[in-house]
């Protein structure tokens, strides 16, 4: 029997990158999968390619989240798994960071995650699983990443609190913290192909496994946390970074 047979899973930001890979793995493991995204064209393509159901939703907009919860309830009744993958990343030094920069990240990565869970909680079955996509940036002190790092640090704190609050319902809450992953994210940050390759070479030298992760490798960890294989795991963080944060002495 497949690991997620008979389960209904929702993946936010499931039309690209890690979210897309997780949706694909959930389907492969027998789940019925719902994905969300803001780009209607990309959402439709993912629907067709993965055999999933897509809903347009903007995680930073509480009205949009209300509509999402109502749509999911009307069509599916309840769900078993939520993978909070949607997020945004942009970088600026403390000296020049603007209020707009701060708000755009916090509204999506923290407020959006918080209220997505709150809105979907009434239709999440007891014994369900919530997985939060965080980041090693919460802990590594990378220059110019202060707001992004703070947003991911906040989500790691939510992970532990929600695990405690939802334990009476046997709902497990865990986080996966990827290191560098081969996704379209770097292109979205406005880096050229040469800059991306140069960044990858420098960063790759600091990763023990000497490469970026593939989205499917992170997705496999998400599927593990969503499944009964992780039935006694809650309130924890699994780092998937190829050893980047090991900081070997020699």
C-alpha atoms as a PDB file:
ATOM      1  CA  UNK A   1       0.000   0.000   0.000  1.00  0.00           C
ATOM      2  CA  UNK A   2       1.225   3.495  -0.837  1.00  0.00           C
ATOM      3  CA  UNK A   3       2.176   5.729   2.103  1.00  0.00           C
ATOM      4  CA  UNK A   4      -0.554   8.325   1.569  1.00  0.00           C
ATOM      5  CA  UNK A   5      -3.306   6.155   0.118  1.00  0.00           C
ATOM      6  CA  UNK A   6      -6.717   7.672   0.832  1.00  0.00           C
ATOM      7  CA  UNK A   7      -5.300  10.963   2.159  1.00  0.00           C
ATOM      8  CA  UNK A   8      -6.150  14.451   0.913  1.00  0.00           C
ATOM      9  CA  UNK A   9      -3.201  16.851   0.913  1.00  0.00           C
ATOM     10  CA  UNK A  10      -3.008  20.587   0.296  1.00  0.00           C
ATOM     11  CA  UNK A  11       0.242  22.189  -0.895  1.00  0.00           C
ATOM     12  CA  UNK A  12       0.510  25.978  -0.928  1.00  0.00           C
ATOM     13  CA  UNK A  13       2.657  27.339  -3.728  1.00  0.00           C
ATOM     14  CA  UNK A  14       2.444  23.975  -5.444  1.00  0.00           C
ATOM     15  CA  UNK A  15       2.934  25.165  -9.004  1.00  0.00           C
ATOM     16  CA  UNK A  16       6.748  25.323  -8.959  1.00  0.00           C
ATOM     17  CA  UNK A  17       9.916  24.333  -7.120  1.00  0.00           C
ATOM     18  CA  UNK A  18       9.704  22.383  -3.874  1.00  0.00           C
ATOM     19  CA  UNK A  19       5.907  22.677  -3.746  1.00  0.00           C
ATOM     20  CA  UNK A  20       5.563  21.157  -7.225  1.00  0.00           C
ATOM     21  CA  UNK A  21       7.935  18.321  -6.328  1.00  0.00           C
ATOM     22  CA  UNK A  22       6.068  17.656  -3.077  1.00  0.00           C
ATOM     23  CA  UNK A  23       2.714  17.588  -4.884  1.00  0.00           C
ATOM     24  CA  UNK A  24       4.147  15.106  -7.390  1.00  0.00           C
ATOM     25  CA  UNK A  25       5.462  12.871  -4.606  1.00  0.00           C
ATOM     26  CA  UNK A  26       2.174  13.038  -2.702  1.00  0.00           C
ATOM     27  CA  UNK A  27       0.333  11.907  -5.851  1.00  0.00           C
ATOM     28  CA  UNK A  28       2.857   9.107  -6.384  1.00  0.00           C
ATOM     29  CA  UNK A  29       2.192   7.954  -2.823  1.00  0.00           C
ATOM     30  CA  UNK A  30      -1.565   7.743  -3.401  1.00  0.00           C
ATOM     31  CA  UNK A  31      -2.853  11.068  -2.076  1.00  0.00           C
ATOM     32  CA  UNK A  32      -5.470  13.262  -3.678  1.00  0.00           C
ATOM     33  CA  UNK A  33      -3.708  16.623  -3.941  1.00  0.00           C
ATOM     34  CA  UNK A  34      -4.816  20.249  -3.922  1.00  0.00           C
ATOM     35  CA  UNK A  35      -2.308  22.954  -4.857  1.00  0.00           C
ATOM     36  CA  UNK A  36      -2.522  26.713  -4.563  1.00  0.00           C
ATOM     37  CA  UNK A  37      -0.740  29.511  -6.367  1.00  0.00           C
ATOM     38  CA  UNK A  38      -1.110  33.068  -7.615  1.00  0.00           C
ATOM     39  CA  UNK A  39      -0.108  32.441 -11.242  1.00  0.00           C
ATOM     40  CA  UNK A  40      -3.139  31.028 -13.027  1.00  0.00           C
ATOM     41  CA  UNK A  41      -1.183  29.839 -16.075  1.00  0.00           C
ATOM     42  CA  UNK A  42       1.426  27.994 -13.973  1.00  0.00           C
ATOM     43  CA  UNK A  43      -1.340  26.560 -11.791  1.00  0.00           C
ATOM     44  CA  UNK A  44      -3.230  25.180 -14.798  1.00  0.00           C
ATOM     45  CA  UNK A  45      -0.068  23.608 -16.179  1.00  0.00           C
ATOM     46  CA  UNK A  46       0.693  21.935 -12.847  1.00  0.00           C
ATOM     47  CA  UNK A  47      -2.895  20.683 -12.652  1.00  0.00           C
ATOM     48  CA  UNK A  48      -2.560  19.000 -16.032  1.00  0.00           C
ATOM     49  CA  UNK A  49       0.977  17.695 -15.509  1.00  0.00           C
ATOM     50  CA  UNK A  50       0.459  16.305 -12.009  1.00  0.00           C
ATOM     51  CA  UNK A  51      -3.233  15.346 -12.030  1.00  0.00           C
ATOM     52  CA  UNK A  52      -4.013  17.618  -9.076  1.00  0.00           C
ATOM     53  CA  UNK A  53      -6.683  20.228  -8.277  1.00  0.00           C
ATOM     54  CA  UNK A  54      -5.558  23.869  -8.304  1.00  0.00           C
ATOM     55  CA  UNK A  55      -7.035  26.880  -6.538  1.00  0.00           C
ATOM     56  CA  UNK A  56      -5.908  30.481  -7.037  1.00  0.00           C
ATOM     57  CA  UNK A  57      -4.914  31.899  -3.649  1.00  0.00           C
ATOM     58  CA  UNK A  58      -2.730  34.723  -2.326  1.00  0.00           C
ATOM     59  CA  UNK A  59      -1.296  33.727   1.038  1.00  0.00           C
ATOM     60  CA  UNK A  60      -0.802  37.356   2.118  1.00  0.00           C
ATOM     61  CA  UNK A  61      -4.514  38.163   1.614  1.00  0.00           C
ATOM     62  CA  UNK A  62      -6.810  36.934   4.409  1.00  0.00           C
ATOM     63  CA  UNK A  63      -9.874  37.291   2.186  1.00  0.00           C
ATOM     64  CA  UNK A  64      -8.250  34.991  -0.334  1.00  0.00           C
ATOM     65  CA  UNK A  65      -7.535  32.471   2.434  1.00  0.00           C
ATOM     66  CA  UNK A  66     -11.196  32.562   3.521  1.00  0.00           C
ATOM     67  CA  UNK A  67     -12.237  31.788  -0.049  1.00  0.00           C
ATOM     68  CA  UNK A  68      -9.681  28.971  -0.268  1.00  0.00           C
ATOM     69  CA  UNK A  69     -10.929  27.332   2.925  1.00  0.00           C
ATOM     70  CA  UNK A  70     -14.546  27.595   1.714  1.00  0.00           C
ATOM     71  CA  UNK A  71     -13.684  26.110  -1.690  1.00  0.00           C
ATOM     72  CA  UNK A  72     -11.758  23.202  -0.193  1.00  0.00           C
ATOM     73  CA  UNK A  73     -14.524  22.463   2.309  1.00  0.00           C
ATOM     74  CA  UNK A  74     -17.194  22.576  -0.387  1.00  0.00           C
ATOM     75  CA  UNK A  75     -15.323  20.275  -2.750  1.00  0.00           C
ATOM     76  CA  UNK A  76     -13.530  17.900  -0.375  1.00  0.00           C
ATOM     77  CA  UNK A  77     -15.152  18.253   3.043  1.00  0.00           C
ATOM     78  CA  UNK A  78     -11.907  17.797   4.949  1.00  0.00           C
ATOM     79  CA  UNK A  79      -8.171  17.295   4.424  1.00  0.00           C
ATOM     80  CA  UNK A  80      -5.432  15.279   6.103  1.00  0.00           C
ATOM     81  CA  UNK A  81      -2.160  17.033   5.216  1.00  0.00           C
ATOM     82  CA  UNK A  82      -1.115  20.666   4.810  1.00  0.00           C
ATOM     83  CA  UNK A  83       2.293  21.567   3.398  1.00  0.00           C
ATOM     84  CA  UNK A  84       2.872  25.299   3.974  1.00  0.00           C
ATOM     85  CA  UNK A  85       5.342  25.819   1.148  1.00  0.00           C
ATOM     86  CA  UNK A  86       4.386  29.198  -0.339  1.00  0.00           C
ATOM     87  CA  UNK A  87       6.728  32.032   0.527  1.00  0.00           C
ATOM     88  CA  UNK A  88       8.748  34.889  -0.827  1.00  0.00           C
ATOM     89  CA  UNK A  89      12.419  35.832  -0.616  1.00  0.00           C
ATOM     90  CA  UNK A  90      14.190  39.101  -1.278  1.00  0.00           C
ATOM     91  CA  UNK A  91      17.282  40.594   0.263  1.00  0.00           C
ATOM     92  CA  UNK A  92      18.446  44.003   1.421  1.00  0.00           C
ATOM     93  CA  UNK A  93      21.007  45.337   3.922  1.00  0.00           C
ATOM     94  CA  UNK A  94      19.728  46.825   7.165  1.00  0.00           C
ATOM     95  CA  UNK A  95      20.774  50.326   6.114  1.00  0.00           C
ATOM     96  CA  UNK A  96      18.553  50.434   3.027  1.00  0.00           C
ATOM     97  CA  UNK A  97      15.709  47.994   3.762  1.00  0.00           C
ATOM     98  CA  UNK A  98      12.320  49.649   3.279  1.00  0.00           C
ATOM     99  CA  UNK A  99       8.998  49.182   5.004  1.00  0.00           C
ATOM    100  CA  UNK A 100       7.634  47.729   1.765  1.00  0.00           C
ATOM    101  CA  UNK A 101      10.465  45.154   1.720  1.00  0.00           C
ATOM    102  CA  UNK A 102       9.713  44.202   5.336  1.00  0.00           C
ATOM    103  CA  UNK A 103       5.937  44.022   4.892  1.00  0.00           C
ATOM    104  CA  UNK A 104       6.020  42.010   1.659  1.00  0.00           C
ATOM    105  CA  UNK A 105       8.080  39.253   3.291  1.00  0.00           C
ATOM    106  CA  UNK A 106       6.380  39.211   6.681  1.00  0.00           C
ATOM    107  CA  UNK A 107       2.863  39.374   5.242  1.00  0.00           C
ATOM    108  CA  UNK A 108       3.492  36.301   3.101  1.00  0.00           C
ATOM    109  CA  UNK A 109       5.948  34.238   5.122  1.00  0.00           C
ATOM    110  CA  UNK A 110       4.609  34.800   8.639  1.00  0.00           C
ATOM    111  CA  UNK A 111       1.110  36.279   8.620  1.00  0.00           C
ATOM    112  CA  UNK A 112       0.197  34.206   5.577  1.00  0.00           C
ATOM    113  CA  UNK A 113       1.423  30.947   7.102  1.00  0.00           C
ATOM    114  CA  UNK A 114      -0.246  31.699  10.428  1.00  0.00           C
ATOM    115  CA  UNK A 115      -3.660  32.461   8.990  1.00  0.00           C
ATOM    116  CA  UNK A 116      -3.559  29.742   6.328  1.00  0.00           C
ATOM    117  CA  UNK A 117      -3.289  27.227   9.162  1.00  0.00           C
ATOM    118  CA  UNK A 118      -5.975  28.993  11.182  1.00  0.00           C
ATOM    119  CA  UNK A 119      -8.430  29.068   8.261  1.00  0.00           C
ATOM    120  CA  UNK A 120      -7.829  25.431   7.292  1.00  0.00           C
ATOM    121  CA  UNK A 121      -7.726  24.043  10.839  1.00  0.00           C
ATOM    122  CA  UNK A 122     -11.510  23.449  11.085  1.00  0.00           C
ATOM    123  CA  UNK A 123     -11.353  21.128   8.046  1.00  0.00           C
ATOM    124  CA  UNK A 124      -8.076  19.383   8.986  1.00  0.00           C
ATOM    125  CA  UNK A 125      -8.850  15.917  10.281  1.00  0.00           C
ATOM    126  CA  UNK A 126      -7.717  14.848  13.740  1.00  0.00           C
ATOM    127  CA  UNK A 127      -4.521  12.850  13.380  1.00  0.00           C
ATOM    128  CA  UNK A 128      -3.483  15.017  10.422  1.00  0.00           C
ATOM    129  CA  UNK A 129      -0.088  16.442   9.587  1.00  0.00           C
ATOM    130  CA  UNK A 130       1.142  20.002   9.048  1.00  0.00           C
ATOM    131  CA  UNK A 131       4.561  20.577   7.488  1.00  0.00           C
ATOM    132  CA  UNK A 132       6.157  24.037   7.386  1.00  0.00           C
ATOM    133  CA  UNK A 133       8.756  24.943   4.781  1.00  0.00           C
ATOM    134  CA  UNK A 134      11.317  27.013   6.673  1.00  0.00           C
ATOM    135  CA  UNK A 135      14.999  27.598   5.844  1.00  0.00           C
ATOM    136  CA  UNK A 136      18.510  27.310   7.203  1.00  0.00           C
ATOM    137  CA  UNK A 137      18.599  31.102   6.748  1.00  0.00           C
ATOM    138  CA  UNK A 138      16.846  31.358  10.104  1.00  0.00           C
ATOM    139  CA  UNK A 139      20.131  30.403  11.780  1.00  0.00           C
ATOM    140  CA  UNK A 140      23.142  31.093   9.552  1.00  0.00           C
ATOM    141  CA  UNK A 141      23.390  34.901   9.720  1.00  0.00           C
ATOM    142  CA  UNK A 142      23.706  35.469   5.971  1.00  0.00           C
ATOM    143  CA  UNK A 143      24.302  39.160   5.154  1.00  0.00           C
ATOM    144  CA  UNK A 144      21.359  41.106   3.705  1.00  0.00           C
ATOM    145  CA  UNK A 145      18.854  38.406   4.668  1.00  0.00           C
ATOM    146  CA  UNK A 146      17.656  39.913   7.954  1.00  0.00           C
ATOM    147  CA  UNK A 147      13.934  40.147   7.163  1.00  0.00           C
ATOM    148  CA  UNK A 148      13.792  36.829   5.308  1.00  0.00           C
ATOM    149  CA  UNK A 149      15.758  35.111   8.085  1.00  0.00           C
ATOM    150  CA  UNK A 150      13.491  36.641  10.733  1.00  0.00           C
ATOM    151  CA  UNK A 151      10.416  35.404   8.879  1.00  0.00           C
ATOM    152  CA  UNK A 152      11.732  31.848   8.796  1.00  0.00           C
ATOM    153  CA  UNK A 153      12.805  32.054  12.445  1.00  0.00           C
ATOM    154  CA  UNK A 154       9.259  33.096  13.314  1.00  0.00           C
ATOM    155  CA  UNK A 155       7.841  30.107  11.448  1.00  0.00           C
ATOM    156  CA  UNK A 156      10.171  27.768  13.356  1.00  0.00           C
ATOM    157  CA  UNK A 157       8.766  29.212  16.590  1.00  0.00           C
ATOM    158  CA  UNK A 158       5.219  28.686  15.320  1.00  0.00           C
ATOM    159  CA  UNK A 159       6.165  25.095  14.557  1.00  0.00           C
ATOM    160  CA  UNK A 160       6.874  24.331  18.203  1.00  0.00           C
ATOM    161  CA  UNK A 161       3.880  26.230  19.586  1.00  0.00           C
ATOM    162  CA  UNK A 162       1.406  24.715  17.119  1.00  0.00           C
ATOM    163  CA  UNK A 163       2.756  21.228  17.820  1.00  0.00           C
ATOM    164  CA  UNK A 164       1.881  21.798  21.483  1.00  0.00           C
ATOM    165  CA  UNK A 165      -1.524  23.365  20.846  1.00  0.00           C
ATOM    166  CA  UNK A 166      -2.655  20.733  18.345  1.00  0.00           C
ATOM    167  CA  UNK A 167      -1.348  17.662  20.169  1.00  0.00           C
ATOM    168  CA  UNK A 168      -4.747  17.011  21.826  1.00  0.00           C
ATOM    169  CA  UNK A 169      -6.125  16.470  18.308  1.00  0.00           C
ATOM    170  CA  UNK A 170      -3.186  14.185  17.428  1.00  0.00           C
ATOM    171  CA  UNK A 171      -2.175  16.629  14.698  1.00  0.00           C
ATOM    172  CA  UNK A 172       1.571  16.542  14.128  1.00  0.00           C
ATOM    173  CA  UNK A 173       3.370  19.764  13.193  1.00  0.00           C
ATOM    174  CA  UNK A 174       6.920  19.715  11.831  1.00  0.00           C
ATOM    175  CA  UNK A 175       9.288  21.849   9.797  1.00  0.00           C
ATOM    176  CA  UNK A 176      11.651  21.085   6.955  1.00  0.00           C
ATOM    177  CA  UNK A 177      14.530  23.548   6.521  1.00  0.00           C
ATOM    178  CA  UNK A 178      16.217  23.312   3.127  1.00  0.00           C
ATOM    179  CA  UNK A 179      19.605  24.670   2.244  1.00  0.00           C
ATOM    180  CA  UNK A 180      20.276  25.787  -1.350  1.00  0.00           C
ATOM    181  CA  UNK A 181      17.901  24.068  -3.782  1.00  0.00           C
ATOM    182  CA  UNK A 182      17.835  24.016  -7.578  1.00  0.00           C
ATOM    183  CA  UNK A 183      14.612  26.017  -8.026  1.00  0.00           C
ATOM    184  CA  UNK A 184      13.563  29.084 -10.090  1.00  0.00           C
ATOM    185  CA  UNK A 185      13.965  31.206  -6.926  1.00  0.00           C
ATOM    186  CA  UNK A 186      17.378  32.610  -7.837  1.00  0.00           C
ATOM    187  CA  UNK A 187      16.149  33.740 -11.242  1.00  0.00           C
ATOM    188  CA  UNK A 188      13.193  35.439  -9.553  1.00  0.00           C
ATOM    189  CA  UNK A 189      15.670  37.415  -7.450  1.00  0.00           C
ATOM    190  CA  UNK A 190      16.914  39.036 -10.651  1.00  0.00           C
ATOM    191  CA  UNK A 191      20.292  37.288 -10.835  1.00  0.00           C
ATOM    192  CA  UNK A 192      21.820  36.619 -14.247  1.00  0.00           C
ATOM    193  CA  UNK A 193      22.741  33.107 -15.366  1.00  0.00           C
ATOM    194  CA  UNK A 194      26.423  33.925 -14.754  1.00  0.00           C
ATOM    195  CA  UNK A 195      25.694  35.291 -11.272  1.00  0.00           C
ATOM    196  CA  UNK A 196      23.651  32.211 -10.392  1.00  0.00           C
ATOM    197  CA  UNK A 197      26.417  29.891 -11.587  1.00  0.00           C
ATOM    198  CA  UNK A 198      29.066  31.895  -9.709  1.00  0.00           C
ATOM    199  CA  UNK A 199      26.982  31.922  -6.550  1.00  0.00           C
ATOM    200  CA  UNK A 200      26.426  28.183  -6.921  1.00  0.00           C
ATOM    201  CA  UNK A 201      30.146  27.499  -7.249  1.00  0.00           C
ATOM    202  CA  UNK A 202      31.084  29.528  -4.158  1.00  0.00           C
ATOM    203  CA  UNK A 203      28.254  28.133  -2.060  1.00  0.00           C
ATOM    204  CA  UNK A 204      28.753  24.613  -3.381  1.00  0.00           C
ATOM    205  CA  UNK A 205      32.276  24.583  -1.961  1.00  0.00           C
ATOM    206  CA  UNK A 206      30.816  25.110   1.522  1.00  0.00           C
ATOM    207  CA  UNK A 207      28.310  22.234   1.184  1.00  0.00           C
ATOM    208  CA  UNK A 208      29.749  18.905   2.296  1.00  0.00           C
ATOM    209  CA  UNK A 209      28.033  17.103  -0.599  1.00  0.00           C
ATOM    210  CA  UNK A 210      29.311  19.759  -3.039  1.00  0.00           C
ATOM    211  CA  UNK A 211      26.011  20.507  -4.787  1.00  0.00           C
ATOM    212  CA  UNK A 212      22.594  22.088  -4.391  1.00  0.00           C
ATOM    213  CA  UNK A 213      19.640  19.882  -3.463  1.00  0.00           C
ATOM    214  CA  UNK A 214      17.107  18.797  -6.037  1.00  0.00           C
ATOM    215  CA  UNK A 215      13.496  19.751  -5.202  1.00  0.00           C
ATOM    216  CA  UNK A 216      12.567  16.049  -5.144  1.00  0.00           C
ATOM    217  CA  UNK A 217      15.073  15.450  -2.325  1.00  0.00           C
ATOM    218  CA  UNK A 218      13.352  18.009  -0.114  1.00  0.00           C
ATOM    219  CA  UNK A 219       9.955  16.680  -1.211  1.00  0.00           C
ATOM    220  CA  UNK A 220      10.900  13.184  -0.015  1.00  0.00           C
ATOM    221  CA  UNK A 221      11.446  14.566   3.481  1.00  0.00           C
ATOM    222  CA  UNK A 222       8.074  16.335   3.335  1.00  0.00           C
ATOM    223  CA  UNK A 223       6.359  13.086   2.310  1.00  0.00           C
ATOM    224  CA  UNK A 224       8.064  11.278   5.177  1.00  0.00           C
ATOM    225  CA  UNK A 225       6.779  13.837   7.694  1.00  0.00           C
ATOM    226  CA  UNK A 226       3.288  13.665   6.195  1.00  0.00           C
ATOM    227  CA  UNK A 227       3.126   9.875   6.422  1.00  0.00           C
ATOM    228  CA  UNK A 228       2.668   7.373   9.229  1.00  0.00           C
ATOM    229  CA  UNK A 229       6.409   6.680   8.992  1.00  0.00           C
ATOM    230  CA  UNK A 230       6.736   9.846  11.104  1.00  0.00           C
ATOM    231  CA  UNK A 231       3.860   8.980  13.447  1.00  0.00           C
ATOM    232  CA  UNK A 232       5.884   9.770  16.601  1.00  0.00           C
ATOM    233  CA  UNK A 233       7.547  12.942  15.303  1.00  0.00           C
ATOM    234  CA  UNK A 234       6.118  16.370  16.099  1.00  0.00           C
ATOM    235  CA  UNK A 235       7.438  19.832  16.934  1.00  0.00           C
ATOM    236  CA  UNK A 236      10.777  19.194  15.268  1.00  0.00           C
ATOM    237  CA  UNK A 237      12.836  20.570  12.381  1.00  0.00           C
ATOM    238  CA  UNK A 238      14.591  18.439   9.777  1.00  0.00           C
ATOM    239  CA  UNK A 239      17.462  20.227   8.044  1.00  0.00           C
ATOM    240  CA  UNK A 240      18.027  19.229   4.408  1.00  0.00           C
ATOM    241  CA  UNK A 241      21.170  21.139   3.458  1.00  0.00           C
ATOM    242  CA  UNK A 242      23.809  18.640   2.306  1.00  0.00           C
ATOM    243  CA  UNK A 243      25.889  19.474   5.351  1.00  0.00           C
ATOM    244  CA  UNK A 244      26.155  23.230   4.706  1.00  0.00           C
ATOM    245  CA  UNK A 245      25.575  24.092   8.376  1.00  0.00           C
ATOM    246  CA  UNK A 246      27.922  21.430   9.780  1.00  0.00           C
ATOM    247  CA  UNK A 247      30.859  23.897   9.734  1.00  0.00           C
ATOM    248  CA  UNK A 248      33.577  21.280   9.563  1.00  0.00           C
ATOM    249  CA  UNK A 249      36.768  22.405  11.336  1.00  0.00           C
ATOM    250  CA  UNK A 250      39.101  20.916   8.692  1.00  0.00           C
END
